[in-house]
Amino acid sequence: MNAEKHFGRFYSSIIEKIERQHGLVFLVIDPPNQDPETAGKIARLAEEAKIDAIAVGGSVGAQGALLDETITQIKENSSLGVILFPGNIATLSSKADAIYYMSMLNSLDPYYISGAQIAASLPVKKSGLEVIPTSYIIVEPGRAVGWVGRAKLVPRELPYLAAITALAGQYMGSHMVILESGGGAPKPAPLQMIKQTAELINVPLVVAGGVKNKEHARAVIKAGADIIHVGTAIEHSSSNIKQAKKKLELFSNAVRKAGKEKH
């Protein structure tokens, strides 16, 4: 087995950036929430603000021609890597660079643990996408993703449950772990939960959902996260380009500062 084939180009570049910066920001663009042209403009701003990559998807409506055109516009307006963040098995596009191949480890429905992954495996292989095996762990409040995925939400006051779930995911082969509080959550996963999870695993830890401001971003990275997802906080400013760029810069600067402090 060739290590280069096992760890693809996108994943390897992310590992190198984590080792160098100790904290990254991925902007989440969900196609149903803005038209492709707007997504392209936001991608250009993201690159100017030194955002590290763009994750596309997150909802059940991110698919088909809308998904393809959104990624096309992102690619035409920036050189940032694009990773698919699937909300269902239809969130596939060969125009992206990679895909989080996610298993929702704390779902009560086998479909979200392994069923969707089996159904999507051959189409993903045919797409040529770089696959990043990812453990997806839903933390209270969970919001829409928790409801759709029938997750047994990890209680916020029991951080060790997230940590040992993440460790199990790593032992089963995941190359990344996402602690997801749900899009639009009032706050991200608790700092103690992030800290305990980061101490147990040695694959990149992503914190998604509820990272609403630079203070959240800085605290989450300092607690041990390697990557944060920001999406809803920027979507609310997508109609105001200057405001969107300022927010992106605040997130980027906060994460870089926290990465230096953490190191």
C-alpha atoms as a PDB file:
ATOM      1  CA  MET A   1       0.000   0.000   0.000  1.00  0.00           C
ATOM      2  CA  ASN A   2       1.400   3.361  -1.072  1.00  0.00           C
ATOM      3  CA  ALA A   3       1.051   5.926   1.760  1.00  0.00           C
ATOM      4  CA  GLU A   4       0.507   8.706  -0.771  1.00  0.00           C
ATOM      5  CA  LYS A   5      -2.547   6.861  -2.117  1.00  0.00           C
ATOM      6  CA  HIS A   6      -3.843   6.186   1.403  1.00  0.00           C
ATOM      7  CA  PHE A   7      -3.430   9.794   2.546  1.00  0.00           C
ATOM      8  CA  GLY A   8      -4.468  11.925  -0.399  1.00  0.00           C
ATOM      9  CA  ARG A   9      -3.176  15.305  -1.482  1.00  0.00           C
ATOM     10  CA  PHE A  10      -5.913  17.359   0.217  1.00  0.00           C
ATOM     11  CA  TYR A  11      -5.604  15.546   3.549  1.00  0.00           C
ATOM     12  CA  SER A  12      -1.805  15.725   3.472  1.00  0.00           C
ATOM     13  CA  SER A  13      -1.925  19.474   2.825  1.00  0.00           C
ATOM     14  CA  ILE A  14      -4.276  19.924   5.791  1.00  0.00           C
ATOM     15  CA  ILE A  15      -1.944  17.962   8.087  1.00  0.00           C
ATOM     16  CA  GLU A  16       0.995  20.107   6.944  1.00  0.00           C
ATOM     17  CA  LYS A  17      -0.948  23.319   7.628  1.00  0.00           C
ATOM     18  CA  ILE A  18      -2.021  22.112  11.071  1.00  0.00           C
ATOM     19  CA  GLU A  19       1.592  21.330  11.942  1.00  0.00           C
ATOM     20  CA  ARG A  20       2.615  24.786  10.741  1.00  0.00           C
ATOM     21  CA  GLN A  21      -0.260  26.954  12.031  1.00  0.00           C
ATOM     22  CA  HIS A  22      -1.803  24.824  14.841  1.00  0.00           C
ATOM     23  CA  GLY A  23      -5.274  26.031  13.900  1.00  0.00           C
ATOM     24  CA  LEU A  24      -7.290  26.280  10.653  1.00  0.00           C
ATOM     25  CA  VAL A  25     -10.586  27.797   9.529  1.00  0.00           C
ATOM     26  CA  PHE A  26     -12.864  26.151   6.969  1.00  0.00           C
ATOM     27  CA  LEU A  27     -15.708  28.243   5.596  1.00  0.00           C
ATOM     28  CA  VAL A  28     -18.911  26.239   5.129  1.00  0.00           C
ATOM     29  CA  ILE A  29     -20.949  27.220   2.073  1.00  0.00           C
ATOM     30  CA  ASP A  30     -24.359  25.553   1.857  1.00  0.00           C
ATOM     31  CA  PRO A  31     -25.679  25.873  -1.727  1.00  0.00           C
ATOM     32  CA  PRO A  32     -29.399  26.284  -0.903  1.00  0.00           C
ATOM     33  CA  ASN A  33     -28.567  29.317   1.257  1.00  0.00           C
ATOM     34  CA  GLN A  34     -27.087  31.488  -1.486  1.00  0.00           C
ATOM     35  CA  ASP A  35     -26.896  31.439  -5.267  1.00  0.00           C
ATOM     36  CA  PRO A  36     -23.697  30.181  -6.957  1.00  0.00           C
ATOM     37  CA  GLU A  37     -22.592  33.686  -7.963  1.00  0.00           C
ATOM     38  CA  THR A  38     -22.749  34.856  -4.346  1.00  0.00           C
ATOM     39  CA  ALA A  39     -20.873  31.715  -3.258  1.00  0.00           C
ATOM     40  CA  GLY A  40     -18.116  32.638  -5.710  1.00  0.00           C
ATOM     41  CA  LYS A  41     -17.861  36.163  -4.300  1.00  0.00           C
ATOM     42  CA  ILE A  42     -17.685  34.816  -0.746  1.00  0.00           C
ATOM     43  CA  ALA A  43     -14.975  32.340  -1.787  1.00  0.00           C
ATOM     44  CA  ARG A  44     -12.883  35.203  -3.171  1.00  0.00           C
ATOM     45  CA  LEU A  45     -13.268  37.082   0.108  1.00  0.00           C
ATOM     46  CA  ALA A  46     -12.384  33.933   2.045  1.00  0.00           C
ATOM     47  CA  GLU A  47      -9.100  33.542   0.201  1.00  0.00           C
ATOM     48  CA  GLU A  48      -8.267  37.214   0.728  1.00  0.00           C
ATOM     49  CA  ALA A  49      -9.006  36.737   4.440  1.00  0.00           C
ATOM     50  CA  LYS A  50      -6.648  33.717   4.567  1.00  0.00           C
ATOM     51  CA  ILE A  51      -9.332  31.132   5.243  1.00  0.00           C
ATOM     52  CA  ASP A  52      -7.758  27.688   4.775  1.00  0.00           C
ATOM     53  CA  ALA A  53     -10.380  25.748   2.781  1.00  0.00           C
ATOM     54  CA  ILE A  54     -14.054  25.664   1.891  1.00  0.00           C
ATOM     55  CA  ALA A  55     -16.472  22.934   2.919  1.00  0.00           C
ATOM     56  CA  VAL A  56     -19.527  22.749   0.653  1.00  0.00           C
ATOM     57  CA  GLY A  57     -22.787  21.183   1.782  1.00  0.00           C
ATOM     58  CA  GLY A  58     -24.363  20.611   5.160  1.00  0.00           C
ATOM     59  CA  SER A  59     -28.042  20.418   4.224  1.00  0.00           C
ATOM     60  CA  VAL A  60     -30.240  17.947   2.371  1.00  0.00           C
ATOM     61  CA  GLY A  61     -30.626  20.416  -0.520  1.00  0.00           C
ATOM     62  CA  ALA A  62     -26.940  20.531  -1.466  1.00  0.00           C
ATOM     63  CA  GLN A  63     -26.966  18.363  -4.569  1.00  0.00           C
ATOM     64  CA  GLY A  64     -27.282  18.189  -8.352  1.00  0.00           C
ATOM     65  CA  ALA A  65     -26.773  21.134 -10.688  1.00  0.00           C
ATOM     66  CA  LEU A  66     -26.890  23.639  -7.819  1.00  0.00           C
ATOM     67  CA  LEU A  67     -24.011  21.881  -6.055  1.00  0.00           C
ATOM     68  CA  ASP A  68     -21.929  21.615  -9.251  1.00  0.00           C
ATOM     69  CA  GLU A  69     -22.452  25.250 -10.191  1.00  0.00           C
ATOM     70  CA  THR A  70     -21.662  26.442  -6.674  1.00  0.00           C
ATOM     71  CA  ILE A  71     -18.337  24.592  -6.672  1.00  0.00           C
ATOM     72  CA  THR A  72     -17.582  25.843 -10.183  1.00  0.00           C
ATOM     73  CA  GLN A  73     -18.059  29.431  -9.033  1.00  0.00           C
ATOM     74  CA  ILE A  74     -15.909  28.837  -5.946  1.00  0.00           C
ATOM     75  CA  LYS A  75     -13.116  27.384  -8.087  1.00  0.00           C
ATOM     76  CA  GLU A  76     -13.319  30.212 -10.628  1.00  0.00           C
ATOM     77  CA  ASN A  77     -13.047  32.828  -7.901  1.00  0.00           C
ATOM     78  CA  SER A  78     -10.455  31.290  -5.572  1.00  0.00           C
ATOM     79  CA  SER A  79      -7.691  28.719  -5.362  1.00  0.00           C
ATOM     80  CA  LEU A  80      -8.899  27.286  -2.051  1.00  0.00           C
ATOM     81  CA  GLY A  81      -9.412  23.550  -1.707  1.00  0.00           C
ATOM     82  CA  VAL A  82     -13.035  22.376  -1.633  1.00  0.00           C
ATOM     83  CA  ILE A  83     -14.224  19.486   0.535  1.00  0.00           C
ATOM     84  CA  LEU A  84     -17.761  18.133   0.373  1.00  0.00           C
ATOM     85  CA  PHE A  85     -19.661  18.165   3.682  1.00  0.00           C
ATOM     86  CA  PRO A  86     -22.524  15.810   2.755  1.00  0.00           C
ATOM     87  CA  GLY A  87     -26.008  16.141   4.169  1.00  0.00           C
ATOM     88  CA  ASN A  88     -27.085  13.007   2.264  1.00  0.00           C
ATOM     89  CA  ILE A  89     -25.790  10.550  -0.334  1.00  0.00           C
ATOM     90  CA  ALA A  90     -26.650  12.956  -3.153  1.00  0.00           C
ATOM     91  CA  THR A  91     -24.105  15.561  -1.991  1.00  0.00           C
ATOM     92  CA  LEU A  92     -21.582  14.369  -4.564  1.00  0.00           C
ATOM     93  CA  SER A  93     -19.694  16.369  -7.163  1.00  0.00           C
ATOM     94  CA  SER A  94     -16.516  15.460  -8.999  1.00  0.00           C
ATOM     95  CA  LYS A  95     -15.760  19.183  -9.152  1.00  0.00           C
ATOM     96  CA  ALA A  96     -14.698  19.148  -5.471  1.00  0.00           C
ATOM     97  CA  ASP A  97     -11.269  18.039  -4.248  1.00  0.00           C
ATOM     98  CA  ALA A  98     -12.298  15.735  -1.419  1.00  0.00           C
ATOM     99  CA  ILE A  99     -15.193  14.526   0.693  1.00  0.00           C
ATOM    100  CA  TYR A 100     -15.715  13.958   4.398  1.00  0.00           C
ATOM    101  CA  TYR A 101     -16.767  10.302   4.285  1.00  0.00           C
ATOM    102  CA  MET A 102     -18.767  10.568   7.475  1.00  0.00           C
ATOM    103  CA  SER A 103     -20.215   8.023   9.851  1.00  0.00           C
ATOM    104  CA  MET A 104     -22.528   9.503  12.502  1.00  0.00           C
ATOM    105  CA  LEU A 105     -21.263   7.348  15.329  1.00  0.00           C
ATOM    106  CA  ASN A 106     -23.959   8.299  17.838  1.00  0.00           C
ATOM    107  CA  SER A 107     -26.950   7.875  15.538  1.00  0.00           C
ATOM    108  CA  LEU A 108     -29.680   5.458  16.615  1.00  0.00           C
ATOM    109  CA  ASP A 109     -30.313   4.650  12.935  1.00  0.00           C
ATOM    110  CA  PRO A 110     -27.880   2.208  11.246  1.00  0.00           C
ATOM    111  CA  TYR A 111     -28.439   4.091   7.972  1.00  0.00           C
ATOM    112  CA  TYR A 112     -26.377   7.043   9.245  1.00  0.00           C
ATOM    113  CA  ILE A 113     -23.676   4.838  10.729  1.00  0.00           C
ATOM    114  CA  SER A 114     -23.017   2.558   7.744  1.00  0.00           C
ATOM    115  CA  GLY A 115     -26.022   2.314   5.414  1.00  0.00           C
ATOM    116  CA  ALA A 116     -25.574   5.610   3.585  1.00  0.00           C
ATOM    117  CA  GLN A 117     -21.837   4.938   3.365  1.00  0.00           C
ATOM    118  CA  ILE A 118     -22.421   1.590   1.669  1.00  0.00           C
ATOM    119  CA  ALA A 119     -24.928   3.118  -0.761  1.00  0.00           C
ATOM    120  CA  ALA A 120     -22.540   5.961  -1.645  1.00  0.00           C
ATOM    121  CA  SER A 121     -19.308   3.972  -1.878  1.00  0.00           C
ATOM    122  CA  LEU A 122     -19.326   3.102  -5.583  1.00  0.00           C
ATOM    123  CA  PRO A 123     -20.553   6.534  -6.777  1.00  0.00           C
ATOM    124  CA  VAL A 124     -17.832   8.159  -4.654  1.00  0.00           C
ATOM    125  CA  LYS A 125     -15.166   5.900  -6.156  1.00  0.00           C
ATOM    126  CA  LYS A 126     -16.377   6.696  -9.683  1.00  0.00           C
ATOM    127  CA  SER A 127     -16.314  10.413  -8.900  1.00  0.00           C
ATOM    128  CA  GLY A 128     -12.566  10.343  -8.289  1.00  0.00           C
ATOM    129  CA  LEU A 129     -12.943  12.354  -5.087  1.00  0.00           C
ATOM    130  CA  GLU A 130     -10.314  12.046  -2.388  1.00  0.00           C
ATOM    131  CA  VAL A 131     -12.003  10.296   0.531  1.00  0.00           C
ATOM    132  CA  ILE A 132     -11.345  11.350   4.127  1.00  0.00           C
ATOM    133  CA  PRO A 133     -12.866   8.822   6.569  1.00  0.00           C
ATOM    134  CA  THR A 134     -14.517  10.965   9.235  1.00  0.00           C
ATOM    135  CA  SER A 135     -16.240  10.287  12.558  1.00  0.00           C
ATOM    136  CA  TYR A 136     -19.225  12.604  12.950  1.00  0.00           C
ATOM    137  CA  ILE A 137     -20.336  13.084  16.549  1.00  0.00           C
ATOM    138  CA  ILE A 138     -23.428  15.131  17.369  1.00  0.00           C
ATOM    139  CA  VAL A 139     -23.348  17.178  20.554  1.00  0.00           C
ATOM    140  CA  GLU A 140     -26.292  18.893  22.251  1.00  0.00           C
ATOM    141  CA  PRO A 141     -28.298  20.768  21.014  1.00  0.00           C
ATOM    142  CA  GLY A 142     -27.745  18.987  17.670  1.00  0.00           C
ATOM    143  CA  ARG A 143     -30.422  21.043  15.936  1.00  0.00           C
ATOM    144  CA  ALA A 144     -31.457  19.957  12.423  1.00  0.00           C
ATOM    145  CA  VAL A 145     -28.614  17.481  11.864  1.00  0.00           C
ATOM    146  CA  GLY A 146     -29.362  15.760  15.156  1.00  0.00           C
ATOM    147  CA  TRP A 147     -33.050  15.472  14.304  1.00  0.00           C
ATOM    148  CA  VAL A 148     -32.488  14.220  10.742  1.00  0.00           C
ATOM    149  CA  GLY A 149     -29.758  11.777  11.817  1.00  0.00           C
ATOM    150  CA  ARG A 150     -31.683  10.484  14.838  1.00  0.00           C
ATOM    151  CA  ALA A 151     -28.649  11.142  17.005  1.00  0.00           C
ATOM    152  CA  LYS A 152     -28.392  10.194  20.638  1.00  0.00           C
ATOM    153  CA  LEU A 153     -26.943  13.587  21.463  1.00  0.00           C
ATOM    154  CA  VAL A 154     -23.808  13.766  23.597  1.00  0.00           C
ATOM    155  CA  PRO A 155     -24.758  15.692  26.771  1.00  0.00           C
ATOM    156  CA  ARG A 156     -22.748  18.895  27.142  1.00  0.00           C
ATOM    157  CA  GLU A 157     -22.046  18.135  30.811  1.00  0.00           C
ATOM    158  CA  LEU A 158     -20.481  14.727  29.983  1.00  0.00           C
ATOM    159  CA  PRO A 159     -17.429  15.615  27.879  1.00  0.00           C
ATOM    160  CA  TYR A 160     -15.753  12.230  28.251  1.00  0.00           C
ATOM    161  CA  LEU A 161     -18.530  10.601  26.225  1.00  0.00           C
ATOM    162  CA  ALA A 162     -17.530  12.650  23.167  1.00  0.00           C
ATOM    163  CA  ALA A 163     -13.862  11.886  23.810  1.00  0.00           C
ATOM    164  CA  ILE A 164     -14.247   8.112  23.976  1.00  0.00           C
ATOM    165  CA  THR A 165     -16.591   8.113  20.980  1.00  0.00           C
ATOM    166  CA  ALA A 166     -13.964  10.002  18.992  1.00  0.00           C
ATOM    167  CA  LEU A 167     -11.278   7.564  20.114  1.00  0.00           C
ATOM    168  CA  ALA A 168     -13.426   4.639  18.997  1.00  0.00           C
ATOM    169  CA  GLY A 169     -13.853   6.330  15.617  1.00  0.00           C
ATOM    170  CA  GLN A 170     -10.109   6.733  15.264  1.00  0.00           C
ATOM    171  CA  TYR A 171      -9.527   3.107  16.187  1.00  0.00           C
ATOM    172  CA  MET A 172     -12.067   2.088  13.532  1.00  0.00           C
ATOM    173  CA  GLY A 173     -10.114   3.974  10.882  1.00  0.00           C
ATOM    174  CA  SER A 174     -11.266   7.600  10.824  1.00  0.00           C
ATOM    175  CA  HIS A 175      -8.715  10.177   9.717  1.00  0.00           C
ATOM    176  CA  MET A 176     -10.726  13.082  11.129  1.00  0.00           C
ATOM    177  CA  VAL A 177     -13.267  13.713  13.885  1.00  0.00           C
ATOM    178  CA  ILE A 178     -16.023  16.344  13.817  1.00  0.00           C
ATOM    179  CA  LEU A 179     -17.760  17.472  17.000  1.00  0.00           C
ATOM    180  CA  GLU A 180     -20.989  18.962  15.642  1.00  0.00           C
ATOM    181  CA  SER A 181     -23.379  21.066  17.727  1.00  0.00           C
ATOM    182  CA  GLY A 182     -25.605  21.789  14.715  1.00  0.00           C
ATOM    183  CA  GLY A 183     -25.825  24.719  12.344  1.00  0.00           C
ATOM    184  CA  GLY A 184     -27.039  27.816  14.154  1.00  0.00           C
ATOM    185  CA  ALA A 185     -26.320  26.422  17.634  1.00  0.00           C
ATOM    186  CA  PRO A 186     -25.911  29.172  20.237  1.00  0.00           C
ATOM    187  CA  LYS A 187     -22.399  28.053  21.139  1.00  0.00           C
ATOM    188  CA  PRO A 188     -19.855  25.392  20.095  1.00  0.00           C
ATOM    189  CA  ALA A 189     -19.061  22.147  21.900  1.00  0.00           C
ATOM    190  CA  PRO A 190     -17.904  22.814  25.501  1.00  0.00           C
ATOM    191  CA  LEU A 191     -14.219  23.633  25.895  1.00  0.00           C
ATOM    192  CA  GLN A 192     -13.677  20.773  28.341  1.00  0.00           C
ATOM    193  CA  MET A 193     -15.182  18.368  25.800  1.00  0.00           C
ATOM    194  CA  ILE A 194     -12.856  19.666  23.097  1.00  0.00           C
ATOM    195  CA  LYS A 195      -9.868  19.430  25.449  1.00  0.00           C
ATOM    196  CA  GLN A 196     -10.586  15.843  26.526  1.00  0.00           C
ATOM    197  CA  THR A 197     -11.243  14.733  22.952  1.00  0.00           C
ATOM    198  CA  ALA A 198      -8.050  16.338  21.633  1.00  0.00           C
ATOM    199  CA  GLU A 199      -6.016  14.671  24.377  1.00  0.00           C
ATOM    200  CA  LEU A 200      -7.328  11.201  23.485  1.00  0.00           C
ATOM    201  CA  ILE A 201      -7.032  11.229  19.699  1.00  0.00           C
ATOM    202  CA  ASN A 202      -4.172  11.889  17.298  1.00  0.00           C
ATOM    203  CA  VAL A 203      -6.129  12.717  14.156  1.00  0.00           C
ATOM    204  CA  PRO A 204      -7.386  16.238  13.320  1.00  0.00           C
ATOM    205  CA  LEU A 205     -10.287  17.456  15.440  1.00  0.00           C
ATOM    206  CA  VAL A 206     -12.887  19.681  13.781  1.00  0.00           C
ATOM    207  CA  VAL A 207     -15.397  21.707  15.804  1.00  0.00           C
ATOM    208  CA  ALA A 208     -18.538  22.643  13.894  1.00  0.00           C
ATOM    209  CA  GLY A 209     -21.708  24.482  14.829  1.00  0.00           C
ATOM    210  CA  GLY A 210     -22.030  27.429  17.184  1.00  0.00           C
ATOM    211  CA  VAL A 211     -18.699  29.144  16.418  1.00  0.00           C
ATOM    212  CA  LYS A 212     -20.310  32.546  16.114  1.00  0.00           C
ATOM    213  CA  ASN A 213     -17.524  35.032  16.822  1.00  0.00           C
ATOM    214  CA  LYS A 214     -13.780  35.514  17.169  1.00  0.00           C
ATOM    215  CA  GLU A 215     -13.943  34.785  20.923  1.00  0.00           C
ATOM    216  CA  HIS A 216     -15.523  31.390  20.271  1.00  0.00           C
ATOM    217  CA  ALA A 217     -12.959  30.670  17.541  1.00  0.00           C
ATOM    218  CA  ARG A 218      -9.974  31.544  19.715  1.00  0.00           C
ATOM    219  CA  ALA A 219     -11.253  29.568  22.718  1.00  0.00           C
ATOM    220  CA  VAL A 220     -12.059  26.455  20.659  1.00  0.00           C
ATOM    221  CA  ILE A 221      -8.608  26.345  19.049  1.00  0.00           C
ATOM    222  CA  LYS A 222      -6.835  26.961  22.365  1.00  0.00           C
ATOM    223  CA  ALA A 223      -8.884  24.129  23.915  1.00  0.00           C
ATOM    224  CA  GLY A 224      -7.376  21.704  21.389  1.00  0.00           C
ATOM    225  CA  ALA A 225      -9.354  21.823  18.136  1.00  0.00           C
ATOM    226  CA  ASP A 226      -7.313  21.757  14.933  1.00  0.00           C
ATOM    227  CA  ILE A 227     -10.012  23.122  12.621  1.00  0.00           C
ATOM    228  CA  ILE A 228     -13.170  25.165  13.056  1.00  0.00           C
ATOM    229  CA  HIS A 229     -16.105  25.342  10.671  1.00  0.00           C
ATOM    230  CA  VAL A 230     -17.754  28.730  10.263  1.00  0.00           C
ATOM    231  CA  GLY A 231     -20.898  29.030   8.194  1.00  0.00           C
ATOM    232  CA  THR A 232     -24.049  30.519   9.666  1.00  0.00           C
ATOM    233  CA  ALA A 233     -22.127  33.511  11.054  1.00  0.00           C
ATOM    234  CA  ILE A 234     -21.009  34.388   7.506  1.00  0.00           C
ATOM    235  CA  GLU A 235     -24.273  33.482   5.750  1.00  0.00           C
ATOM    236  CA  HIS A 236     -25.998  36.227   7.724  1.00  0.00           C
ATOM    237  CA  SER A 237     -23.586  38.721   6.160  1.00  0.00           C
ATOM    238  CA  SER A 238     -23.480  37.304   2.622  1.00  0.00           C
ATOM    239  CA  SER A 239     -25.569  40.190   1.248  1.00  0.00           C
ATOM    240  CA  ASN A 240     -23.085  42.690   2.695  1.00  0.00           C
ATOM    241  CA  ILE A 241     -19.691  41.993   1.143  1.00  0.00           C
ATOM    242  CA  LYS A 242     -17.710  44.366   3.363  1.00  0.00           C
ATOM    243  CA  GLN A 243     -19.260  42.937   6.510  1.00  0.00           C
ATOM    244  CA  ALA A 244     -18.669  39.348   5.334  1.00  0.00           C
ATOM    245  CA  LYS A 245     -15.004  40.043   4.614  1.00  0.00           C
ATOM    246  CA  LYS A 246     -14.509  41.696   7.995  1.00  0.00           C
ATOM    247  CA  LYS A 247     -16.037  38.696   9.782  1.00  0.00           C
ATOM    248  CA  LEU A 248     -13.866  36.270   7.815  1.00  0.00           C
ATOM    249  CA  GLU A 249     -10.756  38.250   8.714  1.00  0.00           C
ATOM    250  CA  LEU A 250     -11.744  38.297  12.399  1.00  0.00           C
ATOM    251  CA  PHE A 251     -12.151  34.503  12.408  1.00  0.00           C
ATOM    252  CA  SER A 252      -8.899  33.948  10.519  1.00  0.00           C
ATOM    253  CA  ASN A 253      -6.860  36.269  12.740  1.00  0.00           C
ATOM    254  CA  ALA A 254      -8.334  34.838  15.941  1.00  0.00           C
ATOM    255  CA  VAL A 255      -7.524  31.266  14.921  1.00  0.00           C
ATOM    256  CA  ARG A 256      -3.961  32.094  13.873  1.00  0.00           C
ATOM    257  CA  LYS A 257      -3.361  33.922  17.127  1.00  0.00           C
ATOM    258  CA  ALA A 258      -4.798  31.020  19.128  1.00  0.00           C
ATOM    259  CA  GLY A 259      -2.655  28.562  17.161  1.00  0.00           C
ATOM    260  CA  LYS A 260       0.493  30.466  18.126  1.00  0.00           C
ATOM    261  CA  GLU A 261      -0.607  30.640  21.762  1.00  0.00           C
ATOM    262  CA  LYS A 262      -1.453  26.935  21.806  1.00  0.00           C
ATOM    263  CA  HIS A 263       1.934  26.018  20.384  1.00  0.00           C
END
